[in-house]
Amino acid sequence: MSSTPPPSPLDELQKRFSELLRSGPAADIERNVKALLAQAFQRADLVTREEFDTQVARVEQLERRLEALERRVAAAQPDSRGG
């Protein structure tokens, strides 16, 4: 006659937590957590990934323009090594 060992306290906790998540209040908790996170992100003045990528592209474009202008200025200046 074989008997299964009793569930460990961790297994029991996991089982109860899973049952809680399936019940109605868990949906309310999830909704409240999402609302709190959204408020925190808004207060932190975060931007979306799309906005970030747009700004990165703009900075890269400005860097290329600056490099081109620097090359033009350097080419227009007389050689400073003497002559």
PDB file of N, CA and C in Angstrom:
ATOM      1  N   MET A   1       0.840  -1.182   0.000  1.00  0.00           N
ATOM      2  CA  MET A   1       0.000   0.000   0.000  1.00  0.00           C
ATOM      3  C   MET A   1       0.885   1.245   0.000  1.00  0.00           C
ATOM      4  N   SER A   2       0.789   2.051  -1.072  1.00  0.00           N
ATOM      5  CA  SER A   2       1.627   3.247  -1.162  1.00  0.00           C
ATOM      6  C   SER A   2       0.794   4.473  -0.835  1.00  0.00           C
ATOM      7  N   SER A   3       1.400   5.363  -0.120  1.00  0.00           N
ATOM      8  CA  SER A   3       0.704   6.600   0.207  1.00  0.00           C
ATOM      9  C   SER A   3       1.506   7.767  -0.337  1.00  0.00           C
ATOM     10  N   THR A   4       0.804   8.780  -0.805  1.00  0.00           N
ATOM     11  CA  THR A   4       1.486   9.958  -1.337  1.00  0.00           C
ATOM     12  C   THR A   4       1.846  10.860  -0.169  1.00  0.00           C
ATOM     13  N   PRO A   5       2.982  11.528  -0.257  1.00  0.00           N
ATOM     14  CA  PRO A   5       3.376  12.417   0.837  1.00  0.00           C
ATOM     15  C   PRO A   5       2.445  13.617   0.885  1.00  0.00           C
ATOM     16  N   PRO A   6       2.277  14.175   2.045  1.00  0.00           N
ATOM     17  CA  PRO A   6       1.409  15.367   2.143  1.00  0.00           C
ATOM     18  C   PRO A   6       2.029  16.519   1.363  1.00  0.00           C
ATOM     19  N   PRO A   7       1.218  17.410   0.841  1.00  0.00           N
ATOM     20  CA  PRO A   7       1.762  18.534   0.072  1.00  0.00           C
ATOM     21  C   PRO A   7       2.626  19.418   0.965  1.00  0.00           C
ATOM     22  N   SER A   8       3.674  19.945   0.374  1.00  0.00           N
ATOM     23  CA  SER A   8       4.553  20.839   1.136  1.00  0.00           C
ATOM     24  C   SER A   8       3.832  22.168   1.358  1.00  0.00           C
ATOM     25  N   PRO A   9       4.272  22.914   2.357  1.00  0.00           N
ATOM     26  CA  PRO A   9       3.645  24.228   2.584  1.00  0.00           C
ATOM     27  C   PRO A   9       3.720  25.130   1.360  1.00  0.00           C
ATOM     28  N   LEU A  10       4.808  25.019   0.612  1.00  0.00           N
ATOM     29  CA  LEU A  10       4.943  25.830  -0.600  1.00  0.00           C
ATOM     30  C   LEU A  10       3.917  25.414  -1.654  1.00  0.00           C
ATOM     31  N   ASP A  11       3.725  24.097  -1.813  1.00  0.00           N
ATOM     32  CA  ASP A  11       2.722  23.609  -2.762  1.00  0.00           C
ATOM     33  C   ASP A  11       1.325  24.061  -2.353  1.00  0.00           C
ATOM     34  N   GLU A  12       1.054  24.008  -1.076  1.00  0.00           N
ATOM     35  CA  GLU A  12      -0.262  24.429  -0.573  1.00  0.00           C
ATOM     36  C   GLU A  12      -0.472  25.921  -0.809  1.00  0.00           C
ATOM     37  N   LEU A  13       0.554  26.702  -0.559  1.00  0.00           N
ATOM     38  CA  LEU A  13       0.462  28.148  -0.786  1.00  0.00           C
ATOM     39  C   LEU A  13       0.222  28.445  -2.264  1.00  0.00           C
ATOM     40  N   GLN A  14       0.946  27.745  -3.138  1.00  0.00           N
ATOM     41  CA  GLN A  14       0.772  27.938  -4.570  1.00  0.00           C
ATOM     42  C   GLN A  14      -0.651  27.580  -4.997  1.00  0.00           C
ATOM     43  N   LYS A  15      -1.164  26.499  -4.454  1.00  0.00           N
ATOM     44  CA  LYS A  15      -2.526  26.064  -4.798  1.00  0.00           C
ATOM     45  C   LYS A  15      -3.546  27.121  -4.367  1.00  0.00           C
ATOM     46  N   ARG A  16      -3.391  27.618  -3.161  1.00  0.00           N
ATOM     47  CA  ARG A  16      -4.344  28.634  -2.671  1.00  0.00           C
ATOM     48  C   ARG A  16      -4.228  29.933  -3.455  1.00  0.00           C
ATOM     49  N   PHE A  17      -3.016  30.301  -3.799  1.00  0.00           N
ATOM     50  CA  PHE A  17      -2.820  31.522  -4.574  1.00  0.00           C
ATOM     51  C   PHE A  17      -3.459  31.380  -5.954  1.00  0.00           C
ATOM     52  N   SER A  18      -3.305  30.233  -6.572  1.00  0.00           N
ATOM     53  CA  SER A  18      -3.926  29.988  -7.876  1.00  0.00           C
ATOM     54  C   SER A  18      -5.438  30.073  -7.787  1.00  0.00           C
ATOM     55  N   GLU A  19      -5.993  29.530  -6.711  1.00  0.00           N
ATOM     56  CA  GLU A  19      -7.448  29.608  -6.521  1.00  0.00           C
ATOM     57  C   GLU A  19      -7.898  31.059  -6.365  1.00  0.00           C
ATOM     58  N   LEU A  20      -7.118  31.851  -5.649  1.00  0.00           N
ATOM     59  CA  LEU A  20      -7.460  33.262  -5.475  1.00  0.00           C
ATOM     60  C   LEU A  20      -7.431  34.012  -6.795  1.00  0.00           C
ATOM     61  N   LEU A  21      -6.448  33.693  -7.632  1.00  0.00           N
ATOM     62  CA  LEU A  21      -6.337  34.372  -8.915  1.00  0.00           C
ATOM     63  C   LEU A  21      -7.506  34.067  -9.839  1.00  0.00           C
ATOM     64  N   ARG A  22      -8.050  32.881  -9.707  1.00  0.00           N
ATOM     65  CA  ARG A  22      -9.184  32.514 -10.561  1.00  0.00           C
ATOM     66  C   ARG A  22     -10.476  33.168 -10.103  1.00  0.00           C
ATOM     67  N   SER A  23     -10.508  33.656  -8.894  1.00  0.00           N
ATOM     68  CA  SER A  23     -11.744  34.251  -8.376  1.00  0.00           C
ATOM     69  C   SER A  23     -11.877  35.702  -8.824  1.00  0.00           C
ATOM     70  N   GLY A  24     -13.048  36.264  -8.620  1.00  0.00           N
ATOM     71  CA  GLY A  24     -13.377  37.613  -9.057  1.00  0.00           C
ATOM     72  C   GLY A  24     -12.505  38.713  -8.498  1.00  0.00           C
ATOM     73  N   PRO A  25     -12.191  38.714  -7.205  1.00  0.00           N
ATOM     74  CA  PRO A  25     -11.396  39.824  -6.666  1.00  0.00           C
ATOM     75  C   PRO A  25     -10.028  39.974  -7.326  1.00  0.00           C
ATOM     76  N   ALA A  26      -9.479  38.896  -7.833  1.00  0.00           N
ATOM     77  CA  ALA A  26      -8.175  38.991  -8.489  1.00  0.00           C
ATOM     78  C   ALA A  26      -8.255  39.898  -9.712  1.00  0.00           C
ATOM     79  N   ALA A  27      -9.366  39.843 -10.419  1.00  0.00           N
ATOM     80  CA  ALA A  27      -9.532  40.707 -11.586  1.00  0.00           C
ATOM     81  C   ALA A  27      -9.557  42.168 -11.148  1.00  0.00           C
ATOM     82  N   ASP A  28     -10.196  42.450 -10.023  1.00  0.00           N
ATOM     83  CA  ASP A  28     -10.214  43.817  -9.499  1.00  0.00           C
ATOM     84  C   ASP A  28      -8.818  44.266  -9.097  1.00  0.00           C
ATOM     85  N   ILE A  29      -8.084  43.376  -8.477  1.00  0.00           N
ATOM     86  CA  ILE A  29      -6.723  43.701  -8.055  1.00  0.00           C
ATOM     87  C   ILE A  29      -5.863  43.998  -9.282  1.00  0.00           C
ATOM     88  N   GLU A  30      -5.983  43.163 -10.306  1.00  0.00           N
ATOM     89  CA  GLU A  30      -5.207  43.376 -11.525  1.00  0.00           C
ATOM     90  C   GLU A  30      -5.539  44.721 -12.158  1.00  0.00           C
ATOM     91  N   ARG A  31      -6.819  45.045 -12.207  1.00  0.00           N
ATOM     92  CA  ARG A  31      -7.252  46.317 -12.789  1.00  0.00           C
ATOM     93  C   ARG A  31      -6.685  47.490 -11.974  1.00  0.00           C
ATOM     94  N   ASN A  32      -6.722  47.377 -10.646  1.00  0.00           N
ATOM     95  CA  ASN A  32      -6.199  48.442  -9.792  1.00  0.00           C
ATOM     96  C   ASN A  32      -4.690  48.594  -9.934  1.00  0.00           C
ATOM     97  N   VAL A  33      -3.990  47.488 -10.028  1.00  0.00           N
ATOM     98  CA  VAL A  33      -2.540  47.543 -10.198  1.00  0.00           C
ATOM     99  C   VAL A  33      -2.192  48.202 -11.519  1.00  0.00           C
ATOM    100  N   LYS A  34      -2.911  47.845 -12.573  1.00  0.00           N
ATOM    101  CA  LYS A  34      -2.650  48.456 -13.877  1.00  0.00           C
ATOM    102  C   LYS A  34      -2.901  49.961 -13.829  1.00  0.00           C
ATOM    103  N   ALA A  35      -3.965  50.377 -13.147  1.00  0.00           N
ATOM    104  CA  ALA A  35      -4.268  51.805 -13.032  1.00  0.00           C
ATOM    105  C   ALA A  35      -3.178  52.528 -12.243  1.00  0.00           C
ATOM    106  N   LEU A  36      -2.713  51.913 -11.165  1.00  0.00           N
ATOM    107  CA  LEU A  36      -1.646  52.519 -10.375  1.00  0.00           C
ATOM    108  C   LEU A  36      -0.360  52.642 -11.181  1.00  0.00           C
ATOM    109  N   LEU A  37      -0.036  51.613 -11.941  1.00  0.00           N
ATOM    110  CA  LEU A  37       1.167  51.661 -12.777  1.00  0.00           C
ATOM    111  C   LEU A  37       1.045  52.736 -13.849  1.00  0.00           C
ATOM    112  N   ALA A  38      -0.123  52.835 -14.455  1.00  0.00           N
ATOM    113  CA  ALA A  38      -0.330  53.852 -15.491  1.00  0.00           C
ATOM    114  C   ALA A  38      -0.145  55.247 -14.900  1.00  0.00           C
ATOM    115  N   GLN A  39      -0.671  55.475 -13.702  1.00  0.00           N
ATOM    116  CA  GLN A  39      -0.507  56.775 -13.048  1.00  0.00           C
ATOM    117  C   GLN A  39       0.963  57.039 -12.731  1.00  0.00           C
ATOM    118  N   ALA A  40       1.656  56.026 -12.242  1.00  0.00           N
ATOM    119  CA  ALA A  40       3.068  56.194 -11.906  1.00  0.00           C
ATOM    120  C   ALA A  40       3.881  56.512 -13.155  1.00  0.00           C
ATOM    121  N   PHE A  41       3.593  55.821 -14.259  1.00  0.00           N
ATOM    122  CA  PHE A  41       4.311  56.086 -15.506  1.00  0.00           C
ATOM    123  C   PHE A  41       4.026  57.501 -16.003  1.00  0.00           C
ATOM    124  N   GLN A  42       2.789  57.925 -15.864  1.00  0.00           N
ATOM    125  CA  GLN A  42       2.430  59.257 -16.323  1.00  0.00           C
ATOM    126  C   GLN A  42       3.148  60.313 -15.483  1.00  0.00           C
ATOM    127  N   ARG A  43       3.195  60.124 -14.164  1.00  0.00           N
ATOM    128  CA  ARG A  43       3.880  61.071 -13.289  1.00  0.00           C
ATOM    129  C   ARG A  43       5.388  61.083 -13.557  1.00  0.00           C
ATOM    130  N   ALA A  44       5.925  59.946 -13.956  1.00  0.00           N
ATOM    131  CA  ALA A  44       7.348  59.861 -14.232  1.00  0.00           C
ATOM    132  C   ALA A  44       7.692  60.490 -15.580  1.00  0.00           C
ATOM    133  N   ASP A  45       6.692  60.927 -16.307  1.00  0.00           N
ATOM    134  CA  ASP A  45       6.864  61.585 -17.598  1.00  0.00           C
ATOM    135  C   ASP A  45       7.590  60.674 -18.581  1.00  0.00           C
ATOM    136  N   LEU A  46       7.177  59.424 -18.647  1.00  0.00           N
ATOM    137  CA  LEU A  46       7.765  58.465 -19.570  1.00  0.00           C
ATOM    138  C   LEU A  46       7.158  58.638 -20.954  1.00  0.00           C
ATOM    139  N   VAL A  47       7.892  58.231 -21.954  1.00  0.00           N
ATOM    140  CA  VAL A  47       7.395  58.295 -23.328  1.00  0.00           C
ATOM    141  C   VAL A  47       7.193  56.879 -23.853  1.00  0.00           C
ATOM    142  N   THR A  48       6.403  56.784 -24.898  1.00  0.00           N
ATOM    143  CA  THR A  48       6.192  55.476 -25.521  1.00  0.00           C
ATOM    144  C   THR A  48       7.422  55.088 -26.313  1.00  0.00           C
ATOM    145  N   ARG A  49       7.527  53.834 -26.646  1.00  0.00           N
ATOM    146  CA  ARG A  49       8.655  53.350 -27.448  1.00  0.00           C
ATOM    147  C   ARG A  49       8.674  54.052 -28.809  1.00  0.00           C
ATOM    148  N   GLU A  50       7.491  54.259 -29.374  1.00  0.00           N
ATOM    149  CA  GLU A  50       7.395  54.923 -30.677  1.00  0.00           C
ATOM    150  C   GLU A  50       7.951  56.350 -30.599  1.00  0.00           C
ATOM    151  N   GLU A  51       7.572  57.082 -29.535  1.00  0.00           N
ATOM    152  CA  GLU A  51       8.087  58.442 -29.376  1.00  0.00           C
ATOM    153  C   GLU A  51       9.607  58.437 -29.189  1.00  0.00           C
ATOM    154  N   PHE A  52      10.099  57.489 -28.419  1.00  0.00           N
ATOM    155  CA  PHE A  52      11.535  57.366 -28.184  1.00  0.00           C
ATOM    156  C   PHE A  52      12.270  57.096 -29.492  1.00  0.00           C
ATOM    157  N   ASP A  53      11.762  56.135 -30.262  1.00  0.00           N
ATOM    158  CA  ASP A  53      12.405  55.791 -31.530  1.00  0.00           C
ATOM    159  C   ASP A  53      12.407  56.978 -32.489  1.00  0.00           C
ATOM    160  N   THR A  54      11.336  57.752 -32.497  1.00  0.00           N
ATOM    161  CA  THR A  54      11.255  58.940 -33.350  1.00  0.00           C
ATOM    162  C   THR A  54      12.334  59.942 -32.966  1.00  0.00           C
ATOM    163  N   GLN A  55      12.502  60.155 -31.670  1.00  0.00           N
ATOM    164  CA  GLN A  55      13.520  61.106 -31.215  1.00  0.00           C
ATOM    165  C   GLN A  55      14.928  60.600 -31.497  1.00  0.00           C
ATOM    166  N   VAL A  56      15.160  59.298 -31.354  1.00  0.00           N
ATOM    167  CA  VAL A  56      16.474  58.728 -31.660  1.00  0.00           C
ATOM    168  C   VAL A  56      16.795  58.951 -33.136  1.00  0.00           C
ATOM    169  N   ALA A  57      15.830  58.713 -33.998  1.00  0.00           N
ATOM    170  CA  ALA A  57      16.046  58.914 -35.432  1.00  0.00           C
ATOM    171  C   ALA A  57      16.350  60.383 -35.730  1.00  0.00           C
ATOM    172  N   ARG A  58      15.667  61.276 -35.050  1.00  0.00           N
ATOM    173  CA  ARG A  58      15.900  62.708 -35.263  1.00  0.00           C
ATOM    174  C   ARG A  58      17.303  63.106 -34.802  1.00  0.00           C
ATOM    175  N   VAL A  59      17.722  62.604 -33.664  1.00  0.00           N
ATOM    176  CA  VAL A  59      19.071  62.908 -33.175  1.00  0.00           C
ATOM    177  C   VAL A  59      20.118  62.361 -34.137  1.00  0.00           C
ATOM    178  N   GLU A  60      19.913  61.155 -34.643  1.00  0.00           N
ATOM    179  CA  GLU A  60      20.868  60.576 -35.597  1.00  0.00           C
ATOM    180  C   GLU A  60      20.951  61.429 -36.861  1.00  0.00           C
ATOM    181  N   GLN A  61      19.815  61.923 -37.327  1.00  0.00           N
ATOM    182  CA  GLN A  61      19.805  62.777 -38.511  1.00  0.00           C
ATOM    183  C   GLN A  61      20.572  64.079 -38.239  1.00  0.00           C
ATOM    184  N   LEU A  62      20.355  64.659 -37.071  1.00  0.00           N
ATOM    185  CA  LEU A  62      21.060  65.888 -36.723  1.00  0.00           C
ATOM    186  C   LEU A  62      22.560  65.652 -36.587  1.00  0.00           C
ATOM    187  N   GLU A  63      22.944  64.494 -36.057  1.00  0.00           N
ATOM    188  CA  GLU A  63      24.367  64.171 -35.953  1.00  0.00           C
ATOM    189  C   GLU A  63      25.007  64.074 -37.329  1.00  0.00           C
ATOM    190  N   ARG A  64      24.314  63.456 -38.276  1.00  0.00           N
ATOM    191  CA  ARG A  64      24.848  63.345 -39.642  1.00  0.00           C
ATOM    192  C   ARG A  64      25.007  64.726 -40.274  1.00  0.00           C
ATOM    193  N   ARG A  65      24.025  65.589 -40.066  1.00  0.00           N
ATOM    194  CA  ARG A  65      24.110  66.947 -40.608  1.00  0.00           C
ATOM    195  C   ARG A  65      25.270  67.718 -39.996  1.00  0.00           C
ATOM    196  N   LEU A  66      25.451  67.563 -38.682  1.00  0.00           N
ATOM    197  CA  LEU A  66      26.547  68.250 -38.003  1.00  0.00           C
ATOM    198  C   LEU A  66      27.898  67.762 -38.520  1.00  0.00           C
ATOM    199  N   GLU A  67      28.039  66.455 -38.686  1.00  0.00           N
ATOM    200  CA  GLU A  67      29.289  65.911 -39.208  1.00  0.00           C
ATOM    201  C   GLU A  67      29.569  66.453 -40.611  1.00  0.00           C
ATOM    202  N   ALA A  68      28.563  66.544 -41.455  1.00  0.00           N
ATOM    203  CA  ALA A  68      28.737  67.073 -42.807  1.00  0.00           C
ATOM    204  C   ALA A  68      29.165  68.533 -42.758  1.00  0.00           C
ATOM    205  N   LEU A  69      28.541  69.311 -41.874  1.00  0.00           N
ATOM    206  CA  LEU A  69      28.926  70.723 -41.739  1.00  0.00           C
ATOM    207  C   LEU A  69      30.354  70.863 -41.232  1.00  0.00           C
ATOM    208  N   GLU A  70      30.739  70.026 -40.279  1.00  0.00           N
ATOM    209  CA  GLU A  70      32.102  70.076 -39.752  1.00  0.00           C
ATOM    210  C   GLU A  70      33.118  69.751 -40.852  1.00  0.00           C
ATOM    211  N   ARG A  71      32.789  68.778 -41.704  1.00  0.00           N
ATOM    212  CA  ARG A  71      33.685  68.437 -42.821  1.00  0.00           C
ATOM    213  C   ARG A  71      33.811  69.612 -43.783  1.00  0.00           C
ATOM    214  N   ARG A  72      32.692  70.289 -44.064  1.00  0.00           N
ATOM    215  CA  ARG A  72      32.725  71.438 -44.970  1.00  0.00           C
ATOM    216  C   ARG A  72      33.570  72.566 -44.398  1.00  0.00           C
ATOM    217  N   VAL A  73      33.429  72.831 -43.100  1.00  0.00           N
ATOM    218  CA  VAL A  73      34.206  73.884 -42.458  1.00  0.00           C
ATOM    219  C   VAL A  73      35.679  73.536 -42.487  1.00  0.00           C
ATOM    220  N   ALA A  74      36.003  72.278 -42.163  1.00  0.00           N
ATOM    221  CA  ALA A  74      37.407  71.859 -42.160  1.00  0.00           C
ATOM    222  C   ALA A  74      38.007  71.956 -43.563  1.00  0.00           C
ATOM    223  N   ALA A  75      37.237  71.617 -44.564  1.00  0.00           N
ATOM    224  CA  ALA A  75      37.737  71.681 -45.938  1.00  0.00           C
ATOM    225  C   ALA A  75      37.922  73.119 -46.406  1.00  0.00           C
ATOM    226  N   ALA A  76      37.134  74.030 -45.892  1.00  0.00           N
ATOM    227  CA  ALA A  76      37.207  75.425 -46.311  1.00  0.00           C
ATOM    228  C   ALA A  76      38.323  76.172 -45.623  1.00  0.00           C
ATOM    229  N   GLN A  77      38.835  75.689 -44.517  1.00  0.00           N
ATOM    230  CA  GLN A  77      39.895  76.376 -43.783  1.00  0.00           C
ATOM    231  C   GLN A  77      41.249  76.098 -44.430  1.00  0.00           C
ATOM    232  N   PRO A  78      42.103  77.127 -44.476  1.00  0.00           N
ATOM    233  CA  PRO A  78      43.445  76.909 -45.040  1.00  0.00           C
ATOM    234  C   PRO A  78      44.234  75.960 -44.132  1.00  0.00           C
ATOM    235  N   ASP A  79      45.188  75.301 -44.723  1.00  0.00           N
ATOM    236  CA  ASP A  79      46.029  74.359 -43.981  1.00  0.00           C
ATOM    237  C   ASP A  79      46.799  75.130 -42.920  1.00  0.00           C
ATOM    238  N   SER A  80      46.676  74.732 -41.655  1.00  0.00           N
ATOM    239  CA  SER A  80      47.311  75.464 -40.560  1.00  0.00           C
ATOM    240  C   SER A  80      48.735  74.997 -40.299  1.00  0.00           C
ATOM    241  N   ARG A  81      49.304  74.118 -41.120  1.00  0.00           N
ATOM    242  CA  ARG A  81      50.657  73.606 -40.916  1.00  0.00           C
ATOM    243  C   ARG A  81      51.709  74.548 -41.512  1.00  0.00           C
ATOM    244  N   GLY A  82      51.268  75.616 -42.022  1.00  0.00           N
ATOM    245  CA  GLY A  82      52.229  76.559 -42.611  1.00  0.00           C
ATOM    246  C   GLY A  82      52.253  76.424 -44.123  1.00  0.00           C
ATOM    247  N   GLY A  83      52.708  77.450 -44.788  1.00  0.00           N
ATOM    248  CA  GLY A  83      52.760  77.266 -46.207  1.00  0.00           C
ATOM    249  C   GLY A  83      52.729  78.450 -46.974  1.00  0.00           C
TER     250      GLY A  83
END
